[in-house]
Each structure stands twice: as structure tokens, then as C-alpha cells.
Amino acid sequence: MNFRDIISGVAFLILGCTVVWVGNGFDAGAAYVPMGVGMLMCLFSLPLIFKGVRQTLGASESSSIATPLIDHPGRFMATVACCLIYYLAMPTVGFYSTSTLFIMLLALVLGERRPSVVLGITVGFIILLYGLFAIVLKRPLPVEFFLVS
């Protein structure tokens, strides 16, 4: 039987609940983003869990095909490594520089080779981050390494 959707859904549900719980301790202005993201993770994990349960209960023993939990282990490990490097580099390098490099590197790791697409996604995402954190929420982010005096 295929339990991939159930496992992924439960993992995202637990992670979403944890993010909401941790975000609840933030002050009112800073709590919006983590609590919103956590609630969306919880909300979107439920259909995934239900889909997995329905498929598992509906599948007969003869038609079940064993599929791996992770289709591309190399890409998965590269994504985890990129996230870890991003987390470690952000306080030193700066939020926008690290985010720019992270998005571009992750797009390449996941197989996107068209420079215009990678650049467009990167620029759009950085503009979205700037608008959200600097303009809407007015939250300070780690300063860029080249602006530190």
C-alpha cells in the first residue's frame, strides 16, 4: 500500500501546528506570518491525509504497487542541504542576498535550466519578500554583509 500522502500530510500537519504554537508566542505584529503559514500548512495537509486514507482503503492487495517515499533521493538531499546552508548563511550574509542565491540555486538543483524563468522567479520572489517584510510588516531583517559598517 502507498502511505506517502498520509505520512506527508501528517508531517505537514504536525509542522503547521508547531509553527502556529511557536508563532503564538511572538508579539502581535510579528505573529501574523508564522501563524498564517502554520494555519495554511494545517489546512492544506488535511486533504492530503484524506486522499491518502481514501486511496489506501480503496486499494486492493493485488493492485497495490510499492512506491518509494522519496522519488529522487539526490534532489531531496540537495534541497535539504540548500535549506541548511540558507539557514546558516542568512545571519552573516544578509536576508536578501542569501534568499536570492537560495532561490537561484534551488531552481537549478530541482532541474530548471531556463535563465529567464530562474531570474524572473527570483526577482519576483525578492520583490514579494521586500514588500511583505519591509513595507507591510515593517520588520527588520538580517542586514546585508556589504552594508555593515
Protein backbone atom coordinates (compact mmCIF):
# COMPACT_ATOMS: atom_id res chain seq x y z
CA MET A 1 0.00 0.00 0.00
CA ASN A 2 1.05 3.58 -0.64
CA PHE A 3 1.31 5.61 2.57
CA ARG A 4 3.24 8.52 1.06
CA ASP A 5 0.32 11.00 1.16
CA ILE A 6 -0.62 10.02 4.69
CA ILE A 7 2.94 10.37 6.00
CA SER A 8 3.48 13.69 4.19
CA GLY A 9 0.12 15.04 5.34
CA VAL A 10 0.68 14.10 8.97
CA ALA A 11 4.21 15.57 8.86
CA PHE A 12 2.89 18.87 7.47
CA LEU A 13 0.04 18.89 9.97
CA ILE A 14 2.49 18.46 12.87
CA LEU A 15 4.86 21.06 11.43
CA GLY A 16 1.99 23.51 10.83
CA CYS A 17 0.68 23.08 14.39
CA THR A 18 4.20 23.59 15.74
CA VAL A 19 4.66 26.77 13.70
CA VAL A 20 1.31 28.13 14.97
CA TRP A 21 2.25 27.24 18.54
CA VAL A 22 5.67 28.91 18.30
CA GLY A 23 4.24 31.93 16.44
CA ASN A 24 1.66 32.39 19.17
CA GLY A 25 4.49 33.49 21.49
CA PHE A 26 5.54 36.34 19.18
CA ASP A 27 4.29 39.89 19.60
CA ALA A 28 1.18 40.78 17.60
CA GLY A 29 2.94 42.28 14.57
CA ALA A 30 5.47 39.51 14.16
CA ALA A 31 2.99 36.68 14.75
CA TYR A 32 0.97 37.19 11.55
CA VAL A 33 3.33 35.49 9.12
CA PRO A 34 4.28 32.35 11.08
CA MET A 35 0.76 31.79 12.35
CA GLY A 36 -0.71 32.34 8.88
CA VAL A 37 1.77 29.98 7.26
CA GLY A 38 1.22 27.39 10.01
CA MET A 39 -2.55 27.57 9.63
CA LEU A 40 -2.29 27.19 5.86
CA MET A 41 0.01 24.18 6.32
CA CYS A 42 -2.54 22.59 8.65
CA LEU A 43 -5.40 23.40 6.30
CA PHE A 44 -3.68 22.04 3.19
CA SER A 45 -2.41 18.92 4.95
CA LEU A 46 -5.93 17.67 5.71
CA PRO A 47 -6.96 16.97 2.08
CA LEU A 48 -3.63 15.21 1.56
CA ILE A 49 -4.27 12.96 4.56
CA PHE A 50 -7.84 12.24 3.44
CA LYS A 51 -6.66 11.45 -0.10
CA GLY A 52 -4.06 9.03 1.22
CA VAL A 53 -6.53 7.30 3.54
CA ARG A 54 -9.10 7.01 0.76
CA GLN A 55 -6.55 5.55 -1.66
CA THR A 56 -5.21 3.17 0.97
CA LEU A 57 -8.66 1.91 1.96
CA GLY A 58 -9.81 1.70 -1.65
CA ALA A 59 -6.79 -0.19 -2.95
CA SER A 60 -6.95 -3.94 -3.11
CA GLU A 61 -3.97 -6.05 -2.18
CA SER A 62 -3.38 -7.14 -5.78
CA SER A 63 -3.40 -3.62 -7.24
CA SER A 64 -1.12 -2.01 -4.70
CA ILE A 65 2.24 -1.03 -6.10
CA ALA A 66 5.02 -0.19 -3.71
CA THR A 67 6.42 3.26 -4.42
CA PRO A 68 9.26 4.90 -2.56
CA LEU A 69 8.51 7.69 -0.11
CA ILE A 70 11.03 9.94 -1.91
CA ASP A 71 11.15 9.69 -5.72
CA HIS A 72 14.51 11.43 -6.17
CA PRO A 73 16.70 11.00 -3.06
CA GLY A 74 19.52 13.03 -4.61
CA ARG A 75 17.31 16.04 -5.25
CA PHE A 76 15.74 15.69 -1.82
CA MET A 77 19.13 15.68 -0.08
CA ALA A 78 20.32 18.59 -2.23
CA THR A 79 17.20 20.55 -1.22
CA VAL A 80 17.80 19.78 2.46
CA ALA A 81 21.45 20.84 2.08
CA CYS A 82 20.40 24.12 0.38
CA CYS A 83 17.95 24.84 3.21
CA LEU A 84 20.62 24.17 5.84
CA ILE A 85 23.15 26.41 4.07
CA TYR A 86 20.47 29.12 3.75
CA TYR A 87 19.70 28.91 7.46
CA LEU A 88 23.37 29.10 8.44
CA ALA A 89 24.35 31.84 5.96
CA MET A 90 21.44 34.24 6.41
CA PRO A 91 22.57 35.94 9.65
CA THR A 92 26.04 36.59 8.22
CA VAL A 93 25.38 37.27 4.54
CA GLY A 94 22.01 39.02 4.86
CA PHE A 95 18.40 38.14 4.13
CA TYR A 96 18.01 39.39 0.57
CA SER A 97 21.42 38.22 -0.70
CA THR A 98 21.00 34.77 0.82
CA SER A 99 17.41 34.48 -0.41
CA THR A 100 18.46 35.44 -3.94
CA LEU A 101 21.23 32.84 -4.01
CA PHE A 102 18.98 30.22 -2.40
CA ILE A 103 16.18 30.61 -4.94
CA MET A 104 18.55 30.52 -7.90
CA LEU A 105 20.49 27.53 -6.58
CA LEU A 106 17.37 25.61 -5.62
CA ALA A 107 15.82 26.19 -9.05
CA LEU A 108 18.95 24.75 -10.67
CA VAL A 109 19.10 21.80 -8.26
CA LEU A 110 15.46 20.96 -8.97
CA GLY A 111 16.05 20.97 -12.72
CA GLU A 112 15.07 24.38 -14.06
CA ARG A 113 17.58 25.38 -16.74
CA ARG A 114 15.93 28.38 -18.44
CA PRO A 115 17.75 31.52 -17.22
CA SER A 116 14.80 33.82 -17.89
CA VAL A 117 12.49 31.66 -15.74
CA VAL A 118 15.01 31.38 -12.88
CA LEU A 119 15.70 35.12 -12.96
CA GLY A 120 12.01 36.02 -13.19
CA ILE A 121 11.05 33.79 -10.25
CA THR A 122 13.97 35.10 -8.20
CA VAL A 123 13.24 38.78 -8.84
CA GLY A 124 9.52 38.32 -8.26
CA PHE A 125 10.07 36.46 -5.00
CA ILE A 126 12.56 39.02 -3.68
CA ILE A 127 10.14 41.85 -4.50
CA LEU A 128 7.38 39.94 -2.70
CA LEU A 129 9.61 39.40 0.36
CA TYR A 130 10.64 43.05 0.43
CA GLY A 131 7.04 44.20 0.13
CA LEU A 132 5.86 41.86 2.87
CA PHE A 133 8.59 42.33 5.46
CA ALA A 134 9.90 45.85 4.84
CA ILE A 135 6.77 47.68 3.71
CA VAL A 136 3.73 45.84 5.13
CA LEU A 137 5.05 44.33 8.37
CA LYS A 138 7.90 46.84 8.91
CA ARG A 139 10.12 44.10 10.38
CA PRO A 140 13.90 44.37 10.40
CA LEU A 141 15.72 41.56 8.65
CA PRO A 142 19.38 40.50 8.83
CA VAL A 143 21.46 43.28 7.29
CA GLU A 144 23.35 42.61 4.09
CA PHE A 145 27.06 41.86 4.53
CA PHE A 146 28.07 44.69 2.18
CA LEU A 147 26.05 47.28 4.14
CA VAL A 148 27.59 46.53 7.55
CA SER A 149 29.93 49.33 8.58
